[in-house]
C-alpha cells in the first residue's frame, strides 16, 4: 500500500512540476519573435519556430527533472517545431483566425510529435502515443489561447499562457504515464567500524 501511495505522490509531483513549466512557453514565444519577427513568411516560421523550440525544449527538460535528456530533447524540439511551424503556417497562409490556428497547431504537432517521440528515453512505454497526441494537444493550445483573448494577430511562434497551461497540464498526464519509472536511488553503504576509525 505504501509503495502505491509513494508512486501516486511521485506522479502528482512530477505532473505539477511539468505543468509549472508552462512558463517556458511565453519565454519561447518572445525569443522566437525577437529573432524572426512575426510568423508571416517561410523563413520567419522556420527560424522563429526553431528558436522557440530550442527555448521550449530546454524548459521542458528542466521541468521533467532530468527524465528527458537535454542532448536529444532540445534538438528534437527545435527542429520539429521549426519544420512543423513552417508547414502549418504556410498551409493556412499565415492566417490567425481560430480555424487557421487550430490547423496550424495540428500540423506543427504532426512534425513535432514524432521528433519528440524519437527523443524520449529508452524504456518509454508506447512512445508513439506521444507522437499521436501532440497534434491534438498543440491544436488545443492554440484554441485556448485564441479563446482566452490573447493577441494572436501578432503572429506569435507559439501559443500564449492560456494555451501553455492547458497544453502542459494535459500533456503531463500523458507523458508521465509513458516515461519509464525513475530508478530508485541506490542506498549508500554504511561504513564499517574499521573504515570509521581509519
Protein backbone atom coordinates (compact mmCIF):
# COMPACT_ATOMS: atom_id res chain seq x y z
CA UNK A 1 0.00 0.00 0.00
CA UNK A 2 2.84 2.39 0.88
CA UNK A 3 4.51 1.79 -2.48
CA UNK A 4 1.28 2.67 -4.30
CA UNK A 5 0.87 5.89 -2.30
CA UNK A 6 4.52 6.82 -2.94
CA UNK A 7 4.13 6.19 -6.68
CA UNK A 8 0.99 8.31 -6.80
CA UNK A 9 2.65 11.13 -4.85
CA UNK A 10 5.66 10.98 -7.15
CA UNK A 11 3.40 11.14 -10.21
CA UNK A 12 1.50 14.15 -8.85
CA UNK A 13 4.74 15.99 -8.03
CA UNK A 14 6.15 15.28 -11.50
CA UNK A 15 2.90 16.42 -13.13
CA UNK A 16 2.74 19.64 -11.09
CA UNK A 17 6.35 20.48 -11.92
CA UNK A 18 5.75 19.79 -15.64
CA UNK A 19 2.59 21.92 -15.57
CA UNK A 20 4.51 24.77 -13.90
CA UNK A 21 6.90 24.52 -16.85
CA UNK A 22 4.25 26.34 -18.89
CA UNK A 23 6.33 29.43 -18.12
CA UNK A 24 8.78 28.30 -20.81
CA UNK A 25 6.14 28.96 -23.50
CA UNK A 26 5.90 32.76 -23.18
CA UNK A 27 9.70 32.99 -22.97
CA UNK A 28 10.00 30.77 -26.06
CA UNK A 29 7.46 32.92 -27.90
CA UNK A 30 9.30 36.12 -27.05
CA UNK A 31 12.62 34.59 -28.12
CA UNK A 32 11.21 33.28 -31.39
CA UNK A 33 9.60 36.58 -32.27
CA UNK A 34 12.70 38.55 -31.22
CA UNK A 35 14.79 36.56 -33.70
CA UNK A 36 12.33 36.20 -36.58
CA UNK A 37 9.57 38.74 -36.05
CA UNK A 38 6.00 37.85 -36.95
CA UNK A 39 5.29 34.43 -38.42
CA UNK A 40 4.39 35.80 -41.84
CA UNK A 41 6.85 34.07 -44.17
CA UNK A 42 8.50 30.65 -44.56
CA UNK A 43 11.85 31.89 -43.20
CA UNK A 44 10.23 33.61 -40.21
CA UNK A 45 8.23 30.48 -39.38
CA UNK A 46 11.23 28.17 -39.74
CA UNK A 47 13.72 30.29 -37.80
CA UNK A 48 11.25 31.60 -35.22
CA UNK A 49 9.89 28.11 -34.63
CA UNK A 50 13.39 26.65 -34.25
CA UNK A 51 14.41 29.30 -31.70
CA UNK A 52 11.14 28.94 -29.79
CA UNK A 53 11.57 25.15 -29.86
CA UNK A 54 15.10 25.47 -28.52
CA UNK A 55 13.92 27.51 -25.52
CA UNK A 56 10.82 25.37 -25.01
CA UNK A 57 12.81 22.13 -25.17
CA UNK A 58 15.24 23.42 -22.55
CA UNK A 59 12.36 24.47 -20.30
CA UNK A 60 10.63 21.11 -20.68
CA UNK A 61 13.85 19.28 -19.88
CA UNK A 62 14.19 21.25 -16.65
CA UNK A 63 10.52 20.69 -15.80
CA UNK A 64 10.96 16.93 -16.28
CA UNK A 65 13.64 16.82 -13.55
CA UNK A 66 16.12 15.23 -15.95
CA UNK A 67 13.78 12.47 -17.05
CA UNK A 68 14.14 13.91 -20.55
CA UNK A 69 17.67 14.04 -21.93
CA UNK A 70 18.64 17.59 -22.85
CA UNK A 71 21.04 16.26 -25.53
CA UNK A 72 18.19 14.75 -27.53
CA UNK A 73 15.02 16.52 -26.39
CA UNK A 74 16.18 20.09 -27.10
CA UNK A 75 17.41 19.47 -30.68
CA UNK A 76 14.33 17.36 -31.47
CA UNK A 77 12.01 20.08 -30.16
CA UNK A 78 13.88 22.81 -32.03
CA UNK A 79 13.95 21.01 -35.38
CA UNK A 80 10.43 19.60 -35.03
CA UNK A 81 8.94 22.94 -34.09
CA UNK A 82 10.79 24.87 -36.79
CA UNK A 83 9.76 22.49 -39.57
CA UNK A 84 6.27 21.99 -38.14
CA UNK A 85 5.55 25.70 -37.80
CA UNK A 86 6.87 26.33 -41.31
CA UNK A 87 4.48 23.67 -42.64
CA UNK A 88 1.49 24.74 -40.54
CA UNK A 89 1.81 28.49 -41.05
CA UNK A 90 2.31 28.19 -44.82
CA UNK A 91 -0.67 25.85 -45.12
CA UNK A 92 -3.02 28.42 -43.52
CA UNK A 93 -1.47 31.35 -45.39
CA UNK A 94 -0.18 32.81 -42.12
CA UNK A 95 -3.76 33.46 -41.00
CA UNK A 96 -4.72 33.97 -37.36
CA UNK A 97 -8.40 33.01 -37.22
CA UNK A 98 -9.34 30.28 -34.75
CA UNK A 99 -9.66 27.74 -37.56
CA UNK A 100 -6.31 28.75 -39.04
CA UNK A 101 -4.51 28.47 -35.72
CA UNK A 102 -6.09 25.12 -34.84
CA UNK A 103 -4.97 23.69 -38.19
CA UNK A 104 -1.54 25.33 -37.89
CA UNK A 105 -1.16 23.85 -34.41
CA UNK A 106 -2.17 20.38 -35.55
CA UNK A 107 0.31 20.49 -38.44
CA UNK A 108 3.06 21.80 -36.18
CA UNK A 109 2.37 18.91 -33.83
CA UNK A 110 2.33 16.46 -36.73
CA UNK A 111 6.05 17.14 -37.21
CA UNK A 112 6.97 17.97 -33.61
CA UNK A 113 5.31 14.89 -32.08
CA UNK A 114 7.34 12.24 -33.94
CA UNK A 115 10.56 14.23 -33.45
CA UNK A 116 9.99 14.30 -29.69
CA UNK A 117 8.82 10.68 -29.62
CA UNK A 118 12.19 9.65 -31.05
CA UNK A 119 13.91 11.69 -28.32
CA UNK A 120 12.02 10.07 -25.43
CA UNK A 121 14.30 7.97 -23.21
CA UNK A 122 14.86 4.28 -23.74
CA UNK A 123 12.24 2.23 -21.98
CA UNK A 124 9.43 4.71 -22.68
CA UNK A 125 6.14 2.84 -22.93
CA UNK A 126 4.14 3.31 -26.15
CA UNK A 127 6.31 6.24 -27.29
CA UNK A 128 4.27 6.68 -30.48
CA UNK A 129 1.27 7.58 -28.33
CA UNK A 130 3.12 10.84 -27.68
CA UNK A 131 3.58 11.42 -31.43
CA UNK A 132 -0.14 10.81 -32.00
CA UNK A 133 -1.23 13.10 -29.14
CA UNK A 134 0.94 16.15 -29.84
CA UNK A 135 -1.00 17.40 -32.91
CA UNK A 136 -4.24 17.44 -30.89
CA UNK A 137 -2.52 19.00 -27.87
CA UNK A 138 -0.90 21.70 -29.99
CA UNK A 139 -4.26 22.49 -31.61
CA UNK A 140 -5.79 22.62 -28.12
CA UNK A 141 -3.12 25.08 -27.01
CA UNK A 142 -3.90 27.45 -29.88
CA UNK A 143 -7.63 27.09 -29.20
CA UNK A 144 -7.25 28.04 -25.52
CA UNK A 145 -5.00 30.97 -26.41
CA UNK A 146 -7.37 32.33 -29.05
CA UNK A 147 -10.50 31.93 -26.92
CA UNK A 148 -8.65 33.49 -23.98
CA UNK A 149 -8.31 36.74 -25.92
CA UNK A 150 -4.54 36.68 -26.45
CA UNK A 151 -3.44 38.95 -29.31
CA UNK A 152 -2.91 36.15 -31.82
CA UNK A 153 -3.00 38.67 -34.69
CA UNK A 154 0.63 39.42 -33.77
CA UNK A 155 1.51 36.06 -35.37
CA UNK A 156 3.42 34.54 -32.45
CA UNK A 157 5.64 31.50 -32.88
CA UNK A 158 3.88 29.65 -30.05
CA UNK A 159 0.62 29.97 -28.15
CA UNK A 160 0.25 32.16 -25.07
CA UNK A 161 -0.17 31.48 -21.37
CA UNK A 162 -3.72 30.06 -21.52
CA UNK A 163 -2.69 27.59 -24.17
CA UNK A 164 0.57 26.84 -22.39
CA UNK A 165 -1.15 25.94 -19.12
CA UNK A 166 -3.70 23.81 -20.96
CA UNK A 167 -1.05 22.03 -23.03
CA UNK A 168 1.25 21.47 -20.06
CA UNK A 169 -1.45 20.13 -17.74
CA UNK A 170 -2.91 17.70 -20.28
CA UNK A 171 0.40 16.60 -21.83
CA UNK A 172 1.90 15.97 -18.39
CA UNK A 173 -0.84 13.47 -17.58
CA UNK A 174 0.22 11.51 -20.66
CA UNK A 175 3.98 12.00 -20.54
CA UNK A 176 4.50 10.73 -17.02
CA UNK A 177 2.43 7.62 -17.77
CA UNK A 178 4.69 6.87 -20.73
CA UNK A 179 8.13 7.60 -19.27
CA UNK A 180 9.99 4.72 -17.66
CA UNK A 181 9.95 4.60 -13.89
CA UNK A 182 12.76 6.54 -12.35
CA UNK A 183 15.23 4.10 -10.82
CA UNK A 184 15.25 4.11 -7.06
CA UNK A 185 18.23 5.85 -5.51
CA UNK A 186 20.89 3.37 -4.53
CA UNK A 187 21.40 3.26 -0.77
CA UNK A 188 24.74 4.49 0.48
CA UNK A 189 26.51 1.60 2.18
CA UNK A 190 27.21 2.06 5.87
CA UNK A 191 30.85 2.38 6.86
CA UNK A 192 32.38 -0.50 8.75
CA UNK A 193 33.96 0.15 12.18
CA UNK A 194 37.43 -0.26 10.57
CA UNK A 195 36.63 2.40 7.94
CA UNK A 196 35.29 4.79 10.60
CA UNK A 197 38.46 4.61 12.71
CA UNK A 198 40.88 4.75 9.76
